[in-house]
Amino acid sequence: QVQLVESGGGLVQPGGSLRLSCAASGFTVSNYGMSWYRQAPGKERKFVAFMSVTGGSTNYADSVKGRFTISVDNAKNTVYLQMNSLNAEDTAVYYCYRPSGGYWGQGNQVTVSS
């Protein structure tokens, strides 16, 4: 059974950093491309970042390029999203997503506020 369990969200001040984790079970993350999406209040869910199978390539939404980094720890079977230089526009519920099969995590709230 495929499961994606996110953690690491919370409240952070503008300019701060957070790292989101997505612990996978039921499959090996290195065998699949993995993504992060986010959904701000009253808005559609939007793409944030993608890492290809084996981590060979990544791509990012323009709004987070240069500030966010997607990575994977194969030993822990976990995908991460390192978020730096956060601002209020980054406030959203963040979701881990496996495109193959369409599996979503439960979502994790990130709030950027002073």
N, C-alpha and C. Protein backbone atom coordinates (compact mmCIF):
# COMPACT_ATOMS: atom_id res chain seq x y z
N GLN A 1 0.85 -1.20 0.00
CA GLN A 1 0.00 0.00 0.00
C GLN A 1 0.88 1.24 0.00
N VAL A 2 0.67 2.10 -1.00
CA VAL A 2 1.47 3.33 -1.12
C VAL A 2 0.99 4.35 -0.09
N GLN A 3 1.92 4.89 0.66
CA GLN A 3 1.60 5.97 1.60
C GLN A 3 2.68 7.02 1.53
N LEU A 4 2.25 8.29 1.64
CA LEU A 4 3.14 9.44 1.70
C LEU A 4 2.76 10.24 2.93
N VAL A 5 3.67 10.38 3.87
CA VAL A 5 3.39 11.07 5.12
C VAL A 5 4.33 12.26 5.25
N GLU A 6 3.75 13.46 5.25
CA GLU A 6 4.54 14.68 5.30
C GLU A 6 4.70 15.17 6.73
N SER A 7 5.78 15.90 6.95
CA SER A 7 6.03 16.53 8.24
C SER A 7 6.97 17.72 8.02
N GLY A 8 7.10 18.54 9.06
CA GLY A 8 8.08 19.62 9.01
C GLY A 8 7.51 20.99 8.77
N GLY A 9 6.21 21.11 8.58
CA GLY A 9 5.62 22.43 8.37
C GLY A 9 5.50 23.19 9.67
N GLY A 10 4.93 24.38 9.58
CA GLY A 10 4.73 25.19 10.77
C GLY A 10 4.75 26.66 10.45
N LEU A 11 4.96 27.46 11.49
CA LEU A 11 5.00 28.92 11.37
C LEU A 11 6.44 29.39 11.32
N VAL A 12 6.75 30.24 10.37
CA VAL A 12 8.10 30.77 10.23
C VAL A 12 8.01 32.24 9.86
N GLN A 13 9.00 33.01 10.27
CA GLN A 13 9.03 34.44 9.95
C GLN A 13 9.51 34.66 8.52
N PRO A 14 9.12 35.77 7.92
CA PRO A 14 9.64 36.08 6.57
C PRO A 14 11.16 36.07 6.56
N GLY A 15 11.70 35.49 5.50
CA GLY A 15 13.15 35.34 5.40
C GLY A 15 13.69 34.06 6.00
N GLY A 16 12.84 33.33 6.71
CA GLY A 16 13.28 32.11 7.37
C GLY A 16 13.28 30.91 6.46
N SER A 17 13.59 29.75 7.06
CA SER A 17 13.69 28.49 6.32
C SER A 17 12.91 27.40 7.02
N LEU A 18 12.47 26.44 6.22
CA LEU A 18 11.84 25.22 6.72
C LEU A 18 12.24 24.09 5.80
N ARG A 19 12.24 22.88 6.34
CA ARG A 19 12.43 21.70 5.51
C ARG A 19 11.25 20.76 5.70
N LEU A 20 10.56 20.48 4.61
CA LEU A 20 9.47 19.52 4.64
C LEU A 20 10.01 18.13 4.31
N SER A 21 9.44 17.14 4.97
CA SER A 21 9.79 15.75 4.71
C SER A 21 8.56 14.99 4.21
N CYS A 22 8.81 14.02 3.35
CA CYS A 22 7.75 13.16 2.84
C CYS A 22 8.25 11.73 2.94
N ALA A 23 7.82 11.04 3.98
CA ALA A 23 8.24 9.65 4.19
C ALA A 23 7.34 8.73 3.38
N ALA A 24 7.97 7.95 2.51
CA ALA A 24 7.22 7.06 1.63
C ALA A 24 7.25 5.63 2.15
N SER A 25 6.16 4.92 1.93
CA SER A 25 6.10 3.50 2.24
C SER A 25 5.31 2.79 1.16
N GLY A 26 5.58 1.53 0.98
CA GLY A 26 4.90 0.75 -0.04
C GLY A 26 5.56 0.80 -1.40
N PHE A 27 6.62 1.58 -1.52
CA PHE A 27 7.38 1.65 -2.77
C PHE A 27 8.73 2.29 -2.47
N THR A 28 9.64 2.22 -3.44
CA THR A 28 10.98 2.79 -3.31
C THR A 28 11.04 4.09 -4.08
N VAL A 29 11.29 5.19 -3.37
CA VAL A 29 11.20 6.52 -4.00
C VAL A 29 12.19 6.67 -5.15
N SER A 30 13.34 6.02 -5.07
CA SER A 30 14.34 6.19 -6.11
C SER A 30 13.89 5.59 -7.45
N ASN A 31 12.82 4.81 -7.43
CA ASN A 31 12.30 4.22 -8.66
C ASN A 31 11.22 5.06 -9.33
N TYR A 32 10.91 6.21 -8.72
CA TYR A 32 9.81 7.04 -9.22
C TYR A 32 10.21 8.51 -9.21
N GLY A 33 9.65 9.26 -10.18
CA GLY A 33 9.71 10.70 -10.07
C GLY A 33 8.80 11.14 -8.95
N MET A 34 9.22 12.19 -8.24
CA MET A 34 8.43 12.69 -7.10
C MET A 34 8.30 14.20 -7.19
N SER A 35 7.18 14.70 -6.69
CA SER A 35 6.89 16.14 -6.80
C SER A 35 6.40 16.71 -5.47
N TRP A 36 6.45 18.02 -5.42
CA TRP A 36 5.79 18.79 -4.36
C TRP A 36 4.83 19.78 -5.04
N TYR A 37 3.66 19.94 -4.43
CA TYR A 37 2.67 20.92 -4.85
C TYR A 37 2.28 21.72 -3.62
N ARG A 38 1.61 22.83 -3.85
CA ARG A 38 1.09 23.62 -2.73
C ARG A 38 -0.24 24.25 -3.12
N GLN A 39 -1.03 24.51 -2.10
CA GLN A 39 -2.34 25.12 -2.30
C GLN A 39 -2.53 26.23 -1.27
N ALA A 40 -2.57 27.46 -1.76
CA ALA A 40 -2.82 28.61 -0.90
C ALA A 40 -4.32 28.75 -0.66
N PRO A 41 -4.70 29.43 0.41
CA PRO A 41 -6.13 29.58 0.72
C PRO A 41 -6.90 30.19 -0.45
N GLY A 42 -7.98 29.54 -0.85
CA GLY A 42 -8.83 30.05 -1.91
C GLY A 42 -8.26 29.92 -3.31
N LYS A 43 -7.16 29.19 -3.45
CA LYS A 43 -6.51 29.06 -4.76
C LYS A 43 -6.36 27.60 -5.15
N GLU A 44 -6.04 27.39 -6.42
CA GLU A 44 -5.84 26.04 -6.92
C GLU A 44 -4.50 25.47 -6.43
N ARG A 45 -4.45 24.16 -6.39
CA ARG A 45 -3.19 23.49 -6.08
C ARG A 45 -2.23 23.69 -7.25
N LYS A 46 -0.98 24.05 -6.93
CA LYS A 46 -0.01 24.37 -7.97
C LYS A 46 1.29 23.61 -7.79
N PHE A 47 1.92 23.35 -8.90
CA PHE A 47 3.21 22.68 -8.92
C PHE A 47 4.29 23.52 -8.24
N VAL A 48 5.16 22.86 -7.50
CA VAL A 48 6.29 23.53 -6.86
C VAL A 48 7.61 22.99 -7.37
N ALA A 49 7.78 21.66 -7.29
CA ALA A 49 9.08 21.08 -7.64
C ALA A 49 8.91 19.62 -8.06
N PHE A 50 9.86 19.15 -8.88
CA PHE A 50 9.85 17.77 -9.36
C PHE A 50 11.27 17.25 -9.40
N MET A 51 11.41 15.97 -9.01
CA MET A 51 12.69 15.28 -9.15
C MET A 51 12.44 14.00 -9.92
N SER A 52 13.25 13.78 -10.95
CA SER A 52 13.06 12.61 -11.80
C SER A 52 13.55 11.34 -11.10
N VAL A 53 13.25 10.21 -11.72
CA VAL A 53 13.71 8.92 -11.23
C VAL A 53 15.22 8.97 -11.03
N THR A 54 15.70 8.49 -9.94
CA THR A 54 17.12 8.47 -9.53
C THR A 54 17.66 9.86 -9.28
N GLY A 55 16.80 10.88 -9.29
CA GLY A 55 17.26 12.24 -8.99
C GLY A 55 18.11 12.86 -10.07
N GLY A 56 18.03 12.33 -11.28
CA GLY A 56 18.89 12.83 -12.34
C GLY A 56 18.60 14.24 -12.79
N SER A 57 17.35 14.69 -12.62
CA SER A 57 17.03 16.05 -13.01
C SER A 57 15.94 16.59 -12.10
N THR A 58 15.91 17.91 -11.99
CA THR A 58 14.91 18.57 -11.19
C THR A 58 14.34 19.74 -11.97
N ASN A 59 13.13 20.15 -11.63
CA ASN A 59 12.64 21.43 -12.11
C ASN A 59 11.72 22.05 -11.08
N TYR A 60 11.58 23.36 -11.18
CA TYR A 60 10.90 24.15 -10.16
C TYR A 60 9.97 25.17 -10.79
N ALA A 61 8.94 25.52 -10.04
CA ALA A 61 8.11 26.65 -10.43
C ALA A 61 8.97 27.91 -10.39
N ASP A 62 8.69 28.83 -11.29
CA ASP A 62 9.48 30.07 -11.32
C ASP A 62 9.46 30.80 -9.99
N SER A 63 8.34 30.71 -9.29
CA SER A 63 8.18 31.47 -8.05
C SER A 63 9.08 30.97 -6.92
N VAL A 64 9.61 29.75 -7.05
CA VAL A 64 10.45 29.21 -5.97
C VAL A 64 11.88 28.92 -6.43
N LYS A 65 12.14 29.09 -7.70
CA LYS A 65 13.46 28.77 -8.25
C LYS A 65 14.53 29.58 -7.55
N GLY A 66 15.60 28.90 -7.14
CA GLY A 66 16.68 29.55 -6.44
C GLY A 66 16.49 29.62 -4.93
N ARG A 67 15.27 29.32 -4.46
CA ARG A 67 15.00 29.35 -3.01
C ARG A 67 14.66 27.98 -2.45
N PHE A 68 14.03 27.14 -3.25
CA PHE A 68 13.60 25.81 -2.80
C PHE A 68 14.46 24.74 -3.47
N THR A 69 14.67 23.65 -2.75
CA THR A 69 15.43 22.53 -3.29
C THR A 69 14.74 21.22 -2.93
N ILE A 70 14.49 20.40 -3.95
CA ILE A 70 13.94 19.06 -3.73
C ILE A 70 15.09 18.07 -3.71
N SER A 71 15.00 17.12 -2.78
CA SER A 71 16.05 16.11 -2.68
C SER A 71 15.46 14.81 -2.14
N VAL A 72 16.26 13.76 -2.18
CA VAL A 72 15.79 12.47 -1.69
C VAL A 72 16.89 11.79 -0.89
N ASP A 73 16.51 11.13 0.18
CA ASP A 73 17.40 10.28 0.96
C ASP A 73 16.95 8.85 0.74
N ASN A 74 17.67 8.13 -0.10
CA ASN A 74 17.25 6.79 -0.45
C ASN A 74 17.28 5.84 0.75
N ALA A 75 18.22 6.05 1.64
CA ALA A 75 18.31 5.18 2.82
C ALA A 75 17.07 5.31 3.70
N LYS A 76 16.51 6.52 3.75
CA LYS A 76 15.32 6.76 4.57
C LYS A 76 14.03 6.69 3.75
N ASN A 77 14.18 6.49 2.44
CA ASN A 77 13.01 6.45 1.54
C ASN A 77 12.14 7.69 1.72
N THR A 78 12.80 8.84 1.77
CA THR A 78 12.14 10.10 2.10
C THR A 78 12.53 11.17 1.10
N VAL A 79 11.54 11.97 0.72
CA VAL A 79 11.75 13.11 -0.16
C VAL A 79 11.67 14.37 0.69
N TYR A 80 12.52 15.35 0.38
CA TYR A 80 12.55 16.59 1.14
C TYR A 80 12.28 17.78 0.24
N LEU A 81 11.82 18.85 0.87
CA LEU A 81 11.74 20.14 0.21
C LEU A 81 12.34 21.17 1.16
N GLN A 82 13.54 21.61 0.83
CA GLN A 82 14.20 22.66 1.60
C GLN A 82 13.72 24.00 1.08
N MET A 83 13.19 24.83 1.97
CA MET A 83 12.61 26.11 1.58
C MET A 83 13.35 27.22 2.31
N ASN A 84 13.99 28.10 1.55
CA ASN A 84 14.74 29.22 2.11
C ASN A 84 14.13 30.54 1.65
N SER A 85 14.50 31.60 2.34
CA SER A 85 14.04 32.95 2.00
C SER A 85 12.52 32.99 1.83
N LEU A 86 11.84 32.43 2.79
CA LEU A 86 10.38 32.32 2.70
C LEU A 86 9.73 33.70 2.82
N ASN A 87 8.63 33.85 2.11
CA ASN A 87 7.84 35.08 2.20
C ASN A 87 6.36 34.72 2.33
N ALA A 88 5.54 35.73 2.54
CA ALA A 88 4.12 35.50 2.82
C ALA A 88 3.42 34.74 1.69
N GLU A 89 3.90 34.95 0.46
CA GLU A 89 3.28 34.28 -0.70
C GLU A 89 3.55 32.77 -0.70
N ASP A 90 4.46 32.32 0.14
CA ASP A 90 4.73 30.88 0.24
C ASP A 90 3.78 30.19 1.22
N THR A 91 2.95 30.95 1.91
CA THR A 91 1.98 30.36 2.83
C THR A 91 1.00 29.49 2.07
N ALA A 92 0.92 28.23 2.46
CA ALA A 92 0.08 27.26 1.75
C ALA A 92 0.12 25.92 2.47
N VAL A 93 -0.75 25.03 2.03
CA VAL A 93 -0.63 23.63 2.41
C VAL A 93 0.22 22.95 1.34
N TYR A 94 1.27 22.29 1.77
CA TYR A 94 2.21 21.65 0.85
C TYR A 94 1.93 20.15 0.80
N TYR A 95 1.94 19.61 -0.43
CA TYR A 95 1.61 18.21 -0.64
C TYR A 95 2.76 17.51 -1.37
N CYS A 96 3.08 16.34 -0.90
CA CYS A 96 3.98 15.45 -1.60
C CYS A 96 3.14 14.65 -2.60
N TYR A 97 3.70 14.36 -3.78
CA TYR A 97 2.92 13.73 -4.84
C TYR A 97 3.78 12.79 -5.66
N ARG A 98 3.26 11.58 -5.89
CA ARG A 98 3.89 10.66 -6.82
C ARG A 98 3.06 10.61 -8.09
N PRO A 99 3.56 11.22 -9.16
CA PRO A 99 2.77 11.29 -10.39
C PRO A 99 2.34 9.92 -10.93
N SER A 100 3.20 8.94 -10.85
CA SER A 100 2.86 7.61 -11.32
C SER A 100 1.86 6.98 -10.37
N GLY A 101 0.63 6.89 -10.80
CA GLY A 101 -0.41 6.36 -9.95
C GLY A 101 -1.24 7.43 -9.25
N GLY A 102 -0.72 8.67 -9.24
CA GLY A 102 -1.48 9.79 -8.67
C GLY A 102 -1.66 9.74 -7.17
N TYR A 103 -0.57 9.48 -6.44
CA TYR A 103 -0.66 9.38 -4.97
C TYR A 103 -0.27 10.70 -4.32
N TRP A 104 -1.12 11.13 -3.37
CA TRP A 104 -0.89 12.38 -2.65
C TRP A 104 -0.65 12.11 -1.17
N GLY A 105 0.16 12.95 -0.56
CA GLY A 105 0.27 12.97 0.88
C GLY A 105 -0.92 13.71 1.47
N GLN A 106 -0.95 13.79 2.80
CA GLN A 106 -2.10 14.38 3.49
C GLN A 106 -2.04 15.90 3.52
N GLY A 107 -0.89 16.46 3.21
CA GLY A 107 -0.72 17.91 3.24
C GLY A 107 -0.13 18.38 4.55
N ASN A 108 0.61 19.46 4.46
CA ASN A 108 1.30 20.02 5.63
C ASN A 108 1.27 21.55 5.53
N GLN A 109 0.78 22.19 6.58
CA GLN A 109 0.61 23.64 6.54
C GLN A 109 1.95 24.36 6.77
N VAL A 110 2.22 25.32 5.91
CA VAL A 110 3.35 26.23 6.09
C VAL A 110 2.79 27.64 6.12
N THR A 111 3.08 28.36 7.19
CA THR A 111 2.61 29.74 7.35
C THR A 111 3.81 30.64 7.56
N VAL A 112 3.91 31.65 6.68
CA VAL A 112 5.01 32.62 6.78
C VAL A 112 4.41 33.94 7.24
N SER A 113 4.78 34.33 8.45
CA SER A 113 4.18 35.53 9.04
C SER A 113 5.06 36.03 10.16
N SER A 114 5.06 37.36 10.33
CA SER A 114 5.79 37.94 11.45
C SER A 114 4.87 38.12 12.65
